[in-house]
Amino acid sequence: MPFGLQLYTLRDVIADNPSDVIRQVAGFGYKQIESYEGPMGMYWGMGNTAFKVFMDDLGLTMISSHANVFSDFERKADEAAEIGVRYLVCPSIQGRVGRRDNLDAYREMADTFNEIGRIAKKAGIKFAYHNHAYSFHETDGEIPQKVLMDSTDPELVEYQMDIYWVVAAGHDPEEWIRTYPNRFTSSHVKDGIFGNDGNDGDDMESTILGTGTIDFPRILKLAKENGMKYFIVEQEAYTGTTPMDAVKENASYMKGLRI
């Protein structure tokens, strides 16, 4: 099963020499990458077409990128489409909707997502939203994530499930996958360990795949059966290891998965 890496995992080391770091990623067995729109841009200072050549030379495919979809999105969508990037992903809306207490803001965001999705579709790519824990906390008897999913057009808006954050919010990823088949089309495969206070999201720590508490073989098998196409490794904390060693160990785990 091909698997990818969210380059944000390497945010502490990649900027010094992006090409060398990405070469090492390819050497670990990753076949896909998801970029992000950092200080060097989602193409790491190379421009979209040069970055595509670089990816091809390494046998990598840039599946998607996290991006600020609220600014200059038409240009970003056109540049992504030009080199065959399939998705641009909104990584967060926390600053626009608050943490968890404004359902009207989520309904308005759903309308915005539909419009962004129309622009993406016109350009020939897809648009998706990546969750954190805050959209899964109940507000006025409703779950904001459900408001988003029920209020967006499946033809225009897809969802990237960050499995770690679903668990951190106290929810069951499998339940969401069953409830919304074919809506979660990509994932962040990120393991976590629980602290003494449970899984409130503030007391979890990202860790090497297979050393935490999340049952990825079971979850990812169900996800694949319900329309998930892309499995993108991410790690945010590195207790006792380095970012590059973590990326290597996570690749070994993914190679051993049979789903």
Protein backbone atom coordinates (compact mmCIF):
# COMPACT_ATOMS: atom_id res chain seq x y z
CA MET A 1 0.00 0.00 0.00
CA PRO A 2 1.52 3.34 -0.99
CA PHE A 3 1.80 5.78 1.89
CA GLY A 4 2.83 9.38 2.21
CA LEU A 5 4.44 11.86 4.58
CA GLN A 6 3.21 15.26 5.66
CA LEU A 7 6.39 17.32 5.43
CA TYR A 8 5.32 19.34 8.46
CA THR A 9 6.64 16.37 10.42
CA LEU A 10 10.12 17.61 9.44
CA ARG A 11 9.46 21.31 10.01
CA ASP A 12 12.42 21.62 12.40
CA VAL A 13 14.97 20.33 9.90
CA ILE A 14 13.66 20.70 6.35
CA ALA A 15 14.22 24.41 5.78
CA ASP A 16 18.03 24.17 5.90
CA ASN A 17 18.18 21.85 2.90
CA PRO A 18 14.78 20.82 1.53
CA SER A 19 16.10 18.78 -1.40
CA ASP A 20 18.42 16.68 0.78
CA VAL A 21 15.72 16.05 3.39
CA ILE A 22 13.16 15.00 0.79
CA ARG A 23 15.71 12.67 -0.84
CA GLN A 24 16.09 10.93 2.50
CA VAL A 25 12.31 10.65 2.80
CA ALA A 26 12.19 8.89 -0.56
CA GLY A 27 14.95 6.57 0.59
CA PHE A 28 12.87 5.48 3.58
CA GLY A 29 10.19 4.12 1.25
CA TYR A 30 7.63 6.90 1.09
CA LYS A 31 6.04 7.19 -2.35
CA GLN A 32 3.82 10.20 -1.69
CA ILE A 33 4.23 13.53 0.05
CA GLU A 34 1.91 16.18 1.36
CA SER A 35 3.51 19.58 1.51
CA TYR A 36 2.51 22.66 3.48
CA GLU A 37 2.63 26.37 2.85
CA GLY A 38 5.48 27.45 5.07
CA PRO A 39 7.95 30.33 4.67
CA MET A 40 9.45 28.74 1.54
CA GLY A 41 6.07 28.00 -0.03
CA MET A 42 4.58 24.62 -0.75
CA TYR A 43 7.17 23.99 -3.50
CA TRP A 44 10.14 24.72 -1.24
CA GLY A 45 11.54 27.60 -3.25
CA MET A 46 11.71 25.63 -6.49
CA GLY A 47 8.46 26.71 -8.14
CA ASN A 48 5.76 24.24 -9.03
CA THR A 49 7.19 22.85 -12.28
CA ALA A 50 10.75 22.47 -11.02
CA PHE A 51 9.45 20.78 -7.88
CA LYS A 52 7.48 18.34 -10.04
CA VAL A 53 10.67 17.40 -11.91
CA PHE A 54 12.43 16.93 -8.58
CA MET A 55 9.61 14.69 -7.34
CA ASP A 56 9.62 12.62 -10.51
CA ASP A 57 13.37 12.06 -10.26
CA LEU A 58 12.89 10.66 -6.75
CA GLY A 59 9.90 8.50 -7.64
CA LEU A 60 7.66 10.61 -5.40
CA THR A 61 4.19 11.98 -6.03
CA MET A 62 2.99 15.18 -4.42
CA ILE A 63 -0.55 14.18 -3.58
CA SER A 64 -1.59 17.31 -1.75
CA SER A 65 -0.55 20.34 0.21
CA HIS A 66 -1.88 22.18 3.19
CA ALA A 67 -2.40 25.79 2.20
CA ASN A 68 -4.01 29.05 3.19
CA VAL A 69 -7.09 28.53 1.07
CA PHE A 70 -8.54 31.90 2.07
CA SER A 71 -5.92 33.90 0.16
CA ASP A 72 -5.13 33.86 -3.57
CA PHE A 73 -6.69 30.43 -3.91
CA GLU A 74 -7.35 30.55 -7.65
CA ARG A 75 -3.65 30.97 -8.39
CA LYS A 76 -2.69 28.24 -5.94
CA ALA A 77 -5.27 25.87 -7.42
CA ASP A 78 -4.09 26.53 -10.98
CA GLU A 79 -0.43 25.97 -10.03
CA ALA A 80 -1.29 22.74 -8.24
CA ALA A 81 -3.35 21.49 -11.17
CA GLU A 82 -0.53 22.31 -13.59
CA ILE A 83 1.70 19.65 -11.99
CA GLY A 84 -0.95 17.10 -11.11
CA VAL A 85 -1.37 17.80 -7.39
CA ARG A 86 -4.74 16.29 -6.51
CA TYR A 87 -5.73 18.21 -3.37
CA LEU A 88 -5.27 21.51 -1.62
CA VAL A 89 -6.21 21.12 2.02
CA CYS A 90 -7.34 23.67 4.59
CA PRO A 91 -5.29 22.80 7.70
CA SER A 92 -7.24 24.81 10.28
CA ILE A 93 -10.16 27.18 10.79
CA GLN A 94 -9.68 27.72 14.49
CA GLY A 95 -8.84 31.40 14.12
CA ARG A 96 -11.95 31.94 12.04
CA VAL A 97 -14.58 30.07 14.06
CA GLY A 98 -13.19 30.05 17.59
CA ARG A 99 -12.43 26.83 19.41
CA ARG A 100 -15.88 25.33 19.82
CA ASP A 101 -18.63 27.79 20.70
CA ASN A 102 -20.05 29.29 17.51
CA LEU A 103 -22.19 27.03 15.35
CA ASP A 104 -23.23 29.92 13.10
CA ALA A 105 -19.58 30.47 12.28
CA TYR A 106 -19.30 26.82 11.25
CA ARG A 107 -22.38 27.12 9.04
CA GLU A 108 -20.87 30.17 7.37
CA MET A 109 -17.60 28.30 6.99
CA ALA A 110 -19.44 25.46 5.26
CA ASP A 111 -20.72 27.96 2.70
CA THR A 112 -17.17 29.24 2.24
CA PHE A 113 -15.89 25.69 1.81
CA ASN A 114 -18.45 25.07 -0.93
CA GLU A 115 -17.24 28.16 -2.78
CA ILE A 116 -13.59 27.16 -2.38
CA GLY A 117 -14.55 23.71 -3.64
CA ARG A 118 -16.10 25.24 -6.76
CA ILE A 119 -12.86 27.09 -7.50
CA ALA A 120 -10.87 23.90 -6.98
CA LYS A 121 -13.17 21.90 -9.24
CA LYS A 122 -12.91 24.51 -11.97
CA ALA A 123 -9.12 24.29 -11.79
CA GLY A 124 -9.23 20.49 -11.97
CA ILE A 125 -8.23 19.64 -8.42
CA LYS A 126 -10.05 18.76 -5.18
CA PHE A 127 -10.47 20.65 -1.93
CA ALA A 128 -10.48 19.10 1.53
CA TYR A 129 -10.58 20.17 5.17
CA HIS A 130 -8.25 18.73 7.82
CA ASN A 131 -9.67 18.46 11.32
CA HIS A 132 -8.26 19.11 14.76
CA ALA A 133 -9.97 18.22 18.04
CA TYR A 134 -11.94 21.45 18.45
CA SER A 135 -14.49 20.73 15.74
CA PHE A 136 -15.50 17.51 17.54
CA HIS A 137 -16.49 19.11 20.85
CA GLU A 138 -20.26 19.41 21.33
CA THR A 139 -21.75 22.91 21.15
CA ASP A 140 -25.43 23.60 21.81
CA GLY A 141 -26.23 19.94 21.36
CA GLU A 142 -24.39 19.62 18.04
CA ILE A 143 -20.94 18.60 16.89
CA PRO A 144 -19.40 21.34 14.70
CA GLN A 145 -17.67 18.76 12.52
CA LYS A 146 -21.08 17.27 11.74
CA VAL A 147 -22.41 20.74 10.87
CA LEU A 148 -19.55 21.17 8.42
CA MET A 149 -20.02 17.77 6.82
CA ASP A 150 -23.81 17.99 6.57
CA SER A 151 -23.67 21.50 5.11
CA THR A 152 -21.05 20.95 2.42
CA ASP A 153 -21.54 19.48 -1.03
CA PRO A 154 -19.81 16.08 -1.32
CA GLU A 155 -18.98 16.94 -4.92
CA LEU A 156 -17.05 20.02 -3.80
CA VAL A 157 -15.68 19.36 -0.32
CA GLU A 158 -13.85 16.28 0.93
CA TYR A 159 -12.35 15.67 4.36
CA GLN A 160 -8.94 14.65 5.59
CA MET A 161 -9.31 12.77 8.87
CA ASP A 162 -6.53 13.43 11.32
CA ILE A 163 -7.15 10.23 13.27
CA TYR A 164 -5.09 11.37 16.24
CA TRP A 165 -7.23 14.47 16.76
CA VAL A 166 -10.49 12.55 16.44
CA VAL A 167 -9.31 10.23 19.22
CA ALA A 168 -8.00 13.18 21.22
CA ALA A 169 -11.49 14.69 21.16
CA GLY A 170 -12.92 11.49 22.64
CA HIS A 171 -14.55 10.23 19.45
CA ASP A 172 -14.35 6.93 17.59
CA PRO A 173 -12.84 7.32 14.11
CA GLU A 174 -14.61 4.18 12.93
CA GLU A 175 -17.99 5.60 13.83
CA TRP A 176 -17.35 8.72 11.78
CA ILE A 177 -16.09 6.69 8.83
CA ARG A 178 -19.22 4.54 8.87
CA THR A 179 -21.51 7.55 9.23
CA TYR A 180 -19.88 9.45 6.37
CA PRO A 181 -18.68 6.90 3.80
CA ASN A 182 -16.63 8.32 0.95
CA ARG A 183 -16.30 11.72 2.65
CA PHE A 184 -12.98 11.07 4.41
CA THR A 185 -10.78 10.48 1.38
CA SER A 186 -7.38 11.01 3.00
CA SER A 187 -5.99 10.73 6.49
CA HIS A 188 -3.19 11.72 8.79
CA VAL A 189 -1.84 8.54 10.32
CA LYS A 190 -0.50 9.82 13.62
CA ASP A 191 -0.29 7.77 16.80
CA GLY A 192 -0.71 9.08 20.33
CA ILE A 193 -0.23 8.15 23.95
CA PHE A 194 -2.64 9.17 26.68
CA GLY A 195 -1.65 11.09 29.78
CA ASN A 196 -3.11 10.82 33.24
CA ASP A 197 -6.07 13.05 32.48
CA GLY A 198 -7.54 11.05 29.60
CA ASN A 199 -7.92 12.05 25.97
CA ASP A 200 -8.88 15.70 26.08
CA GLY A 201 -6.37 16.63 23.40
CA ASP A 202 -4.17 18.61 25.77
CA ASP A 203 -2.92 15.48 27.51
CA MET A 204 -1.90 13.39 24.51
CA GLU A 205 1.44 13.24 22.81
CA SER A 206 2.20 12.30 19.22
CA THR A 207 4.50 9.28 19.07
CA ILE A 208 6.03 6.67 16.75
CA LEU A 209 3.41 4.62 14.93
CA GLY A 210 2.66 1.41 16.74
CA THR A 211 3.89 2.66 20.12
CA GLY A 212 0.69 4.53 21.00
CA THR A 213 -2.87 3.45 21.64
CA ILE A 214 -4.55 3.86 18.25
CA ASP A 215 -5.54 0.66 16.40
CA PHE A 216 -4.46 1.63 12.91
CA PRO A 217 -4.79 -1.80 11.23
CA ARG A 218 -8.46 -1.90 12.16
CA ILE A 219 -9.24 1.77 11.49
CA LEU A 220 -7.41 2.01 8.18
CA LYS A 221 -8.94 -1.21 6.86
CA LEU A 222 -12.41 0.19 7.51
CA ALA A 223 -11.40 3.55 6.07
CA LYS A 224 -10.12 1.97 2.88
CA GLU A 225 -13.38 0.05 2.51
CA ASN A 226 -15.27 3.35 2.83
CA GLY A 227 -13.45 5.44 0.27
CA MET A 228 -10.21 6.56 1.89
CA LYS A 229 -7.46 6.70 -0.73
CA TYR A 230 -4.46 8.35 0.90
CA PHE A 231 -2.67 7.48 4.14
CA ILE A 232 -0.29 10.25 5.14
CA VAL A 233 2.07 9.84 8.07
CA GLU A 234 2.48 12.76 10.46
CA GLN A 235 4.20 13.14 13.81
CA GLU A 236 4.35 16.25 15.95
CA ALA A 237 6.47 15.29 18.99
CA TYR A 238 9.81 13.47 19.17
CA THR A 239 10.48 12.45 22.76
CA GLY A 240 13.59 10.26 22.77
CA THR A 241 14.20 10.47 19.02
CA THR A 242 14.78 12.93 16.17
CA PRO A 243 12.36 14.01 13.44
CA MET A 244 14.27 12.12 10.75
CA ASP A 245 14.59 8.95 12.82
CA ALA A 246 10.86 9.15 13.58
CA VAL A 247 10.05 9.44 9.89
CA LYS A 248 12.22 6.38 9.18
CA GLU A 249 10.59 4.30 11.95
CA ASN A 250 7.11 5.33 10.83
CA ALA A 251 7.92 4.19 7.30
CA SER A 252 8.91 0.77 8.65
CA TYR A 253 5.57 0.54 10.44
CA MET A 254 3.61 1.49 7.34
CA LYS A 255 5.47 -1.06 5.22
CA GLY A 256 4.31 -3.77 7.60
CA LEU A 257 0.62 -2.80 7.50
CA ARG A 258 -1.74 -5.14 5.69
CA ILE A 259 -5.21 -3.67 5.36
